[in-house]
N, C-alpha and C. Protein backbone atom coordinates (compact mmCIF):
# COMPACT_ATOMS: atom_id res chain seq x y z
N MET A 1 108.03 79.70 97.65
CA MET A 1 108.91 80.30 98.60
C MET A 1 107.84 80.94 99.94
N VAL A 2 108.25 80.49 101.08
CA VAL A 2 107.50 81.11 102.17
C VAL A 2 107.98 82.59 102.74
N LYS A 3 107.40 83.45 102.63
CA LYS A 3 107.59 84.60 103.39
C LYS A 3 107.47 84.60 104.83
N GLY A 4 108.26 85.31 105.70
CA GLY A 4 107.96 85.44 107.20
C GLY A 4 108.98 84.86 107.80
N THR A 5 110.22 84.34 107.32
CA THR A 5 111.32 83.65 108.05
C THR A 5 112.43 84.49 107.53
N CYS A 6 113.61 84.39 108.37
CA CYS A 6 114.71 84.94 108.37
C CYS A 6 115.51 84.73 106.86
N PHE A 7 115.19 83.63 106.54
CA PHE A 7 115.80 83.08 104.99
C PHE A 7 115.19 83.55 104.08
N ASP A 8 114.24 84.28 103.92
CA ASP A 8 113.60 84.59 102.79
C ASP A 8 114.12 85.23 101.90
N MET A 9 114.35 84.82 100.56
CA MET A 9 115.06 85.75 99.39
C MET A 9 114.15 85.75 98.35
N THR A 10 114.06 86.60 97.63
CA THR A 10 113.11 87.29 96.56
C THR A 10 113.82 85.97 95.61
N GLN A 11 112.62 85.52 94.89
CA GLN A 11 113.20 84.30 93.72
C GLN A 11 113.35 85.17 92.52
N ILE A 12 114.49 85.09 91.88
CA ILE A 12 115.02 86.07 90.63
C ILE A 12 114.73 85.15 89.53
N ASP A 13 114.29 85.46 88.30
CA ASP A 13 114.23 84.59 87.08
C ASP A 13 114.43 85.63 86.04
N PHE A 14 115.49 85.19 85.21
CA PHE A 14 115.78 85.94 83.90
C PHE A 14 115.32 85.27 82.64
N TYR A 15 114.67 86.17 82.08
CA TYR A 15 114.11 85.53 80.62
C TYR A 15 114.85 86.23 79.67
N THR A 16 115.47 85.17 78.57
CA THR A 16 116.72 85.64 77.95
C THR A 16 116.34 85.57 76.38
N HIS A 17 116.85 86.56 75.43
CA HIS A 17 116.71 86.51 74.32
C HIS A 17 115.36 86.61 73.71
N ALA A 18 114.49 87.83 74.52
CA ALA A 18 113.14 88.04 74.19
C ALA A 18 113.37 88.69 72.81
N ALA A 19 112.40 88.19 71.64
CA ALA A 19 112.39 89.25 70.70
C ALA A 19 111.79 90.28 70.87
N ASP A 20 110.76 90.12 71.56
CA ASP A 20 110.00 91.58 71.71
C ASP A 20 109.96 91.67 73.29
N LYS A 21 110.71 92.40 74.20
CA LYS A 21 110.60 92.54 75.37
C LYS A 21 109.04 93.19 76.20
N TYR A 22 108.53 93.78 75.56
CA TYR A 22 107.02 94.29 75.96
C TYR A 22 106.30 93.52 75.72
N HIS A 23 105.90 92.70 74.71
CA HIS A 23 105.23 91.32 74.22
C HIS A 23 105.43 90.57 75.36
N THR A 24 106.70 89.67 75.63
CA THR A 24 107.18 89.13 76.77
C THR A 24 106.47 89.41 77.99
N ALA A 25 106.55 90.84 78.09
CA ALA A 25 106.00 91.11 79.53
C ALA A 25 104.49 90.97 79.62
N CYS A 26 103.94 91.27 78.65
CA CYS A 26 102.45 91.03 78.54
C CYS A 26 102.01 89.71 78.72
N VAL A 27 102.88 88.96 78.22
CA VAL A 27 102.64 87.24 78.25
C VAL A 27 102.93 86.75 79.43
N LEU A 28 103.75 87.20 80.18
CA LEU A 28 104.33 86.83 81.54
C LEU A 28 103.00 87.16 82.60
N CYS A 29 102.44 88.72 82.28
CA CYS A 29 101.65 89.29 83.17
C CYS A 29 100.16 88.21 83.24
N ALA A 30 99.77 87.92 82.04
CA ALA A 30 98.87 87.20 81.70
C ALA A 30 98.98 85.94 82.45
N LYS A 31 100.03 85.29 82.21
CA LYS A 31 100.22 83.88 82.83
C LYS A 31 100.09 84.22 84.57
N ALA A 32 100.60 85.22 85.18
CA ALA A 32 100.59 85.38 86.79
C ALA A 32 99.17 85.55 87.00
N VAL A 33 98.34 86.38 86.30
CA VAL A 33 96.94 86.75 86.61
C VAL A 33 96.00 85.67 86.51
N GLU A 34 96.33 84.63 85.59
CA GLU A 34 95.75 83.28 85.50
C GLU A 34 96.02 82.66 86.91
N ARG A 35 97.25 82.72 87.21
CA ARG A 35 97.44 82.00 88.55
C ARG A 35 96.97 82.68 89.73
N GLY A 36 96.52 83.74 89.54
CA GLY A 36 95.82 84.70 90.90
C GLY A 36 96.99 85.23 91.19
N LEU A 37 98.06 85.61 90.63
CA LEU A 37 99.24 86.50 91.54
C LEU A 37 99.10 88.04 90.86
N ARG A 38 99.53 88.75 91.39
CA ARG A 38 99.56 90.15 91.24
C ARG A 38 101.05 90.51 90.82
N VAL A 39 101.09 91.60 89.74
CA VAL A 39 102.08 92.01 89.20
C VAL A 39 102.37 93.53 89.37
N MET A 40 103.57 93.94 89.56
CA MET A 40 104.10 95.45 89.47
C MET A 40 105.06 95.45 88.71
N VAL A 41 104.48 96.19 87.42
CA VAL A 41 105.23 96.19 86.16
C VAL A 41 106.33 97.65 86.28
N TYR A 42 107.53 97.43 86.74
CA TYR A 42 108.42 98.71 86.78
C TYR A 42 108.98 99.25 85.57
N THR A 43 108.44 100.50 85.15
CA THR A 43 109.12 100.85 83.69
C THR A 43 109.74 102.15 84.13
N PRO A 44 111.00 102.40 83.25
CA PRO A 44 111.88 103.29 83.40
C PRO A 44 111.41 104.97 83.20
N ASP A 45 110.21 104.96 82.45
CA ASP A 45 109.74 106.50 82.53
C ASP A 45 108.52 106.24 82.19
N ALA A 46 107.80 107.42 81.95
CA ALA A 46 106.35 107.90 81.56
C ALA A 46 105.97 107.17 80.25
N ALA A 47 106.76 107.47 79.22
CA ALA A 47 106.51 106.78 77.89
C ALA A 47 106.48 105.43 77.73
N THR A 48 107.19 104.54 78.72
CA THR A 48 107.20 103.04 78.66
C THR A 48 106.08 102.51 79.50
N THR A 49 105.75 103.32 80.54
CA THR A 49 104.64 103.02 81.50
C THR A 49 103.09 103.32 80.39
N GLU A 50 103.25 104.14 79.50
CA GLU A 50 102.37 104.34 78.42
C GLU A 50 102.18 103.20 77.27
N LYS A 51 103.09 102.94 76.93
CA LYS A 51 103.49 101.86 76.05
C LYS A 51 102.69 100.50 76.51
N MET A 52 103.27 99.88 77.82
CA MET A 52 102.93 98.80 78.32
C MET A 52 101.46 99.04 78.61
N ASP A 53 100.80 100.26 78.99
CA ASP A 53 99.40 100.43 79.30
C ASP A 53 98.37 99.92 78.10
N LYS A 54 99.14 100.41 77.02
CA LYS A 54 98.42 100.22 75.56
C LYS A 54 98.45 98.72 75.47
N LEU A 55 99.58 98.08 75.42
CA LEU A 55 99.65 96.99 75.21
C LEU A 55 98.72 95.94 75.97
N LEU A 56 98.93 96.20 77.12
CA LEU A 56 97.93 95.45 78.17
C LEU A 56 96.41 95.52 77.81
N TRP A 57 95.99 96.48 77.06
CA TRP A 57 94.60 96.60 76.58
C TRP A 57 94.43 95.79 75.46
N SER A 58 95.62 95.35 74.45
CA SER A 58 95.37 94.60 73.66
C SER A 58 95.80 93.00 73.42
N THR A 59 96.48 92.92 74.41
CA THR A 59 97.27 91.53 74.96
C THR A 59 96.63 90.67 76.12
N PRO A 60 96.19 89.54 75.89
CA PRO A 60 95.88 88.93 74.74
C PRO A 60 94.68 89.40 73.39
N ALA A 61 94.96 89.07 72.09
CA ALA A 61 94.46 89.58 70.94
C ALA A 61 92.60 89.66 71.50
N VAL A 62 92.34 88.74 72.21
CA VAL A 62 90.78 88.63 72.42
C VAL A 62 90.23 89.13 73.66
N GLY A 63 90.98 89.90 74.40
CA GLY A 63 90.97 90.35 75.65
C GLY A 63 91.84 91.53 76.19
N PHE A 64 91.96 91.48 77.32
CA PHE A 64 92.79 92.33 77.71
C PHE A 64 93.35 92.21 79.72
N ILE A 65 94.25 92.51 79.84
CA ILE A 65 94.87 92.08 81.13
C ILE A 65 94.33 92.98 82.12
N PRO A 66 93.62 93.18 82.99
CA PRO A 66 93.29 94.48 83.85
C PRO A 66 94.52 95.14 84.75
N HIS A 67 94.55 96.08 84.72
CA HIS A 67 95.75 96.82 85.07
C HIS A 67 95.50 98.51 85.25
N CYS A 68 96.23 99.11 85.96
CA CYS A 68 96.22 100.48 86.28
C CYS A 68 97.31 100.85 86.94
N ARG A 69 97.65 102.30 87.09
CA ARG A 69 98.58 103.03 87.81
C ARG A 69 98.80 102.84 89.25
N ALA A 70 99.85 102.87 89.90
CA ALA A 70 100.02 102.78 91.07
C ALA A 70 99.27 103.70 91.78
N SER A 71 99.09 105.03 91.67
CA SER A 71 98.25 106.04 92.02
C SER A 71 96.66 105.75 91.71
N ASP A 72 96.34 104.96 91.20
CA ASP A 72 94.73 104.84 90.52
C ASP A 72 94.32 104.23 92.07
N SER A 73 92.93 104.89 92.18
CA SER A 73 92.10 104.33 93.26
C SER A 73 91.76 102.78 93.54
N LEU A 74 91.97 102.23 92.35
CA LEU A 74 91.64 100.75 92.17
C LEU A 74 92.72 100.02 91.94
N ALA A 75 94.10 100.44 92.69
CA ALA A 75 95.33 99.80 92.62
C ALA A 75 95.20 98.74 93.72
N PRO A 76 94.69 98.80 94.67
CA PRO A 76 94.67 97.74 95.61
C PRO A 76 93.81 96.39 95.00
N VAL A 77 93.10 96.90 94.19
CA VAL A 77 92.25 95.32 93.85
C VAL A 77 92.56 94.87 92.39
N THR A 78 93.39 95.58 91.77
CA THR A 78 93.96 95.53 90.45
C THR A 78 95.10 94.34 89.99
N PRO A 79 94.93 93.72 89.72
CA PRO A 79 95.90 92.14 89.29
C PRO A 79 97.46 92.66 88.79
N VAL A 80 97.24 94.02 88.10
CA VAL A 80 98.73 94.25 87.03
C VAL A 80 98.58 95.89 87.55
N ILE A 81 99.78 96.35 88.17
CA ILE A 81 100.11 97.66 88.22
C ILE A 81 101.42 98.26 87.17
N VAL A 82 101.07 99.07 86.54
CA VAL A 82 101.96 99.45 85.40
C VAL A 82 102.40 100.87 85.93
N ASP A 83 103.85 101.31 86.24
CA ASP A 83 104.31 102.47 86.60
C ASP A 83 105.71 102.64 86.76
N HIS A 84 106.30 103.93 86.56
CA HIS A 84 107.58 104.21 86.83
C HIS A 84 107.73 104.91 87.82
N ASN A 85 106.74 105.20 88.75
CA ASN A 85 106.91 105.64 89.95
C ASN A 85 106.78 104.39 91.09
N ALA A 86 107.56 104.32 91.87
CA ALA A 86 107.71 103.06 92.75
C ALA A 86 106.96 103.69 94.38
N ASP A 87 106.88 104.80 94.36
CA ASP A 87 106.52 105.44 95.72
C ASP A 87 105.13 104.55 96.32
N MET A 88 104.21 104.16 95.70
CA MET A 88 103.22 103.66 96.02
C MET A 88 103.14 102.09 95.33
N LEU A 89 103.69 101.20 96.28
CA LEU A 89 103.47 99.71 96.29
C LEU A 89 102.56 99.03 96.55
N ALA A 90 101.41 98.72 95.86
CA ALA A 90 100.02 98.02 96.46
C ALA A 90 100.25 96.65 96.64
N HIS A 91 101.49 95.79 96.65
CA HIS A 91 101.49 94.29 96.74
C HIS A 91 103.05 94.13 96.90
N ASP A 92 103.21 92.71 97.22
CA ASP A 92 104.61 92.06 97.06
C ASP A 92 104.47 90.94 96.32
N ASP A 93 103.70 90.58 95.08
CA ASP A 93 103.76 89.13 94.77
C ASP A 93 105.21 89.16 93.58
N ILE A 94 104.80 89.84 92.71
CA ILE A 94 105.83 89.67 91.42
C ILE A 94 106.09 91.08 91.04
N LEU A 95 107.30 91.52 90.73
CA LEU A 95 108.20 92.44 90.24
C LEU A 95 108.56 92.44 88.84
N LEU A 96 107.96 92.77 87.85
CA LEU A 96 108.40 92.71 86.49
C LEU A 96 109.27 93.83 86.33
N ASN A 97 110.44 93.80 86.12
CA ASN A 97 111.46 94.92 85.69
C ASN A 97 111.65 94.98 84.55
N LEU A 98 111.36 96.57 84.12
CA LEU A 98 111.44 96.74 82.77
C LEU A 98 112.78 98.17 82.77
N HIS A 99 113.23 98.37 83.77
CA HIS A 99 114.14 99.38 83.92
C HIS A 99 115.61 98.80 83.88
N THR A 100 116.23 99.73 83.23
CA THR A 100 117.71 98.91 82.80
C THR A 100 118.69 98.86 84.31
N GLU A 101 118.45 99.51 85.15
CA GLU A 101 119.00 98.84 86.53
C GLU A 101 118.15 98.21 87.61
N GLN A 102 118.54 97.78 88.56
CA GLN A 102 117.81 97.05 89.52
C GLN A 102 116.91 98.16 90.20
N PRO A 103 116.12 97.66 90.59
CA PRO A 103 115.08 98.30 91.27
C PRO A 103 115.38 98.12 93.13
N LEU A 104 115.78 99.34 93.66
CA LEU A 104 116.38 99.48 95.19
C LEU A 104 115.24 98.31 95.95
N PHE A 105 114.09 98.67 95.56
CA PHE A 105 113.19 97.72 96.28
C PHE A 105 112.78 96.41 96.12
N PHE A 106 113.36 95.98 95.04
CA PHE A 106 113.12 94.40 94.46
C PHE A 106 112.95 93.38 95.73
N SER A 107 113.81 93.52 96.87
CA SER A 107 113.89 92.65 97.91
C SER A 107 112.46 92.36 98.41
N ARG A 108 111.68 93.24 98.43
CA ARG A 108 110.21 93.07 99.25
C ARG A 108 109.04 92.21 98.40
N PHE A 109 109.31 92.12 97.26
CA PHE A 109 108.64 90.95 96.41
C PHE A 109 109.25 89.92 96.52
N HIS A 110 107.99 88.66 96.53
CA HIS A 110 108.67 87.34 96.31
C HIS A 110 109.14 87.22 95.29
N ARG A 111 108.80 87.28 94.06
CA ARG A 111 109.60 86.98 93.06
C ARG A 111 110.03 88.33 92.21
N LEU A 112 110.99 88.12 91.50
CA LEU A 112 111.57 89.41 90.54
C LEU A 112 111.79 88.83 89.06
N ILE A 113 111.45 89.37 88.07
CA ILE A 113 111.21 88.84 86.76
C ILE A 113 111.96 89.97 86.17
N GLU A 114 113.34 89.56 85.36
CA GLU A 114 113.94 90.45 84.48
C GLU A 114 113.77 90.03 82.94
N ILE A 115 113.58 90.67 82.04
CA ILE A 115 113.36 90.11 80.68
C ILE A 115 114.41 90.83 79.96
N VAL A 116 115.11 90.19 78.98
CA VAL A 116 116.30 90.29 78.43
C VAL A 116 116.22 90.34 76.90
N SER A 117 116.37 91.46 76.15
CA SER A 117 115.94 91.26 74.55
C SER A 117 117.22 90.65 74.08
N THR A 118 117.12 90.82 72.82
CA THR A 118 118.34 90.48 72.07
C THR A 118 119.15 91.77 71.54
N GLU A 119 118.98 92.64 72.12
CA GLU A 119 119.75 94.14 71.82
C GLU A 119 120.86 94.18 72.70
N GLU A 120 122.05 94.52 72.09
CA GLU A 120 123.31 94.40 72.85
C GLU A 120 123.36 95.32 74.03
N ASN A 121 122.94 96.52 74.03
CA ASN A 121 122.73 97.45 75.42
C ASN A 121 121.98 97.02 76.45
N ASP A 122 120.92 96.16 76.13
CA ASP A 122 119.79 95.74 77.13
C ASP A 122 120.67 94.69 77.64
N ARG A 123 121.19 93.41 76.84
CA ARG A 123 122.01 92.54 77.32
C ARG A 123 123.22 92.96 78.20
N THR A 124 124.00 94.28 78.13
CA THR A 124 124.91 94.38 78.85
C THR A 124 124.27 94.90 79.96
N ALA A 125 123.30 95.59 79.84
CA ALA A 125 122.66 96.12 81.28
C ALA A 125 122.14 95.20 82.23
N ALA A 126 121.66 94.03 81.56
CA ALA A 126 121.15 92.97 82.44
C ALA A 126 121.93 92.12 82.71
N ARG A 127 123.52 92.05 82.25
CA ARG A 127 124.24 91.36 83.01
C ARG A 127 124.80 91.98 84.18
N GLU A 128 124.81 93.57 84.19
CA GLU A 128 125.02 94.13 85.23
C GLU A 128 124.18 93.98 86.38
N ARG A 129 122.89 93.53 86.19
CA ARG A 129 121.51 93.43 87.27
C ARG A 129 122.09 92.15 87.86
N PHE A 130 122.39 91.10 86.60
CA PHE A 130 122.44 89.69 87.21
C PHE A 130 123.37 89.92 88.23
N ARG A 131 124.87 90.31 87.95
CA ARG A 131 125.90 90.17 88.83
C ARG A 131 125.58 90.89 90.23
N PHE A 132 124.73 92.05 90.03
CA PHE A 132 124.63 92.45 91.38
C PHE A 132 123.63 91.47 92.09
N TYR A 133 122.42 91.03 91.57
CA TYR A 133 121.98 89.88 92.38
C TYR A 133 122.61 88.57 92.72
N ARG A 134 123.43 88.05 92.12
CA ARG A 134 124.34 87.16 92.45
C ARG A 134 125.03 87.24 93.23
N ASP A 135 125.90 88.33 93.23
CA ASP A 135 126.74 88.96 94.37
C ASP A 135 126.35 89.20 95.48
N ARG A 136 124.95 89.23 95.70
CA ARG A 136 124.40 89.56 96.97
C ARG A 136 123.52 88.00 97.71
N GLY A 137 124.04 86.84 96.70
CA GLY A 137 123.75 85.67 97.14
C GLY A 137 122.12 85.25 96.62
N TYR A 138 121.65 85.85 95.73
CA TYR A 138 120.36 85.53 95.36
C TYR A 138 120.56 84.23 94.21
N GLU A 139 119.70 83.73 94.46
CA GLU A 139 119.83 82.27 93.23
C GLU A 139 118.97 82.81 92.15
N ILE A 140 119.65 82.49 91.16
CA ILE A 140 118.87 83.01 89.62
C ILE A 140 118.70 82.38 88.82
N HIS A 141 117.39 82.13 88.16
CA HIS A 141 116.89 80.80 87.13
C HIS A 141 116.70 81.64 86.03
N SER A 142 117.55 81.09 85.16
CA SER A 142 117.65 81.50 83.62
C SER A 142 116.69 80.64 82.75
N HIS A 143 115.77 81.11 81.81
CA HIS A 143 114.84 80.91 80.96
C HIS A 143 115.13 81.24 79.52
N ASP A 144 115.88 80.59 78.65
CA ASP A 144 115.99 80.89 77.47
C ASP A 144 114.92 80.99 76.41
N ILE A 145 114.21 81.87 76.05
CA ILE A 145 112.99 81.86 75.46
C ILE A 145 113.16 82.47 73.90
N GLY A 146 114.61 82.55 73.49
CA GLY A 146 114.71 83.12 72.31
C GLY A 146 114.24 81.69 70.83
N ASN A 147 114.01 80.75 71.60
CA ASN A 147 113.78 79.60 70.23
C ASN A 147 112.28 79.38 70.40
N LYS A 148 111.36 79.59 71.36
CA LYS A 148 110.16 79.42 71.49
C LYS A 148 109.19 80.29 70.37
N ALA A 149 107.96 79.52 70.02
CA ALA A 149 107.55 80.27 68.95
C ALA A 149 106.47 81.08 69.78
N ARG A 150 106.01 81.92 69.13
CA ARG A 150 104.87 83.34 69.85
C ARG A 150 103.56 82.59 69.79
């Protein structure tokens, strides 16, 4: 997508049937970083931010994904930002949403990633987000990752 025209819309991808939502988030972050992209992992709360912080230090098993919080002085040069506070957004490449609701600021990003687990409450919340984006004219791509080997 080329930003800068009046027809720019955020690319939205739903990754469904994730056995482990947080592991999937780490894998997707690693793929983005390998491609030279930057990711904002938006979490619902401090506990989830901390959980993702710890996972990114150990995923992949032989390394880690460089990351920090939005308020960190290194945020402008760090490929992955993990935070539940969206007041300080350092870039607009990829927003990976781990929140149960759609982020109000999602449209400033080139791409939005939604990960949907197999838990019913998570699937119900994801359906609401899907409808929200669809009803506003966004093209949505779905990727069923439930049968893929880890």
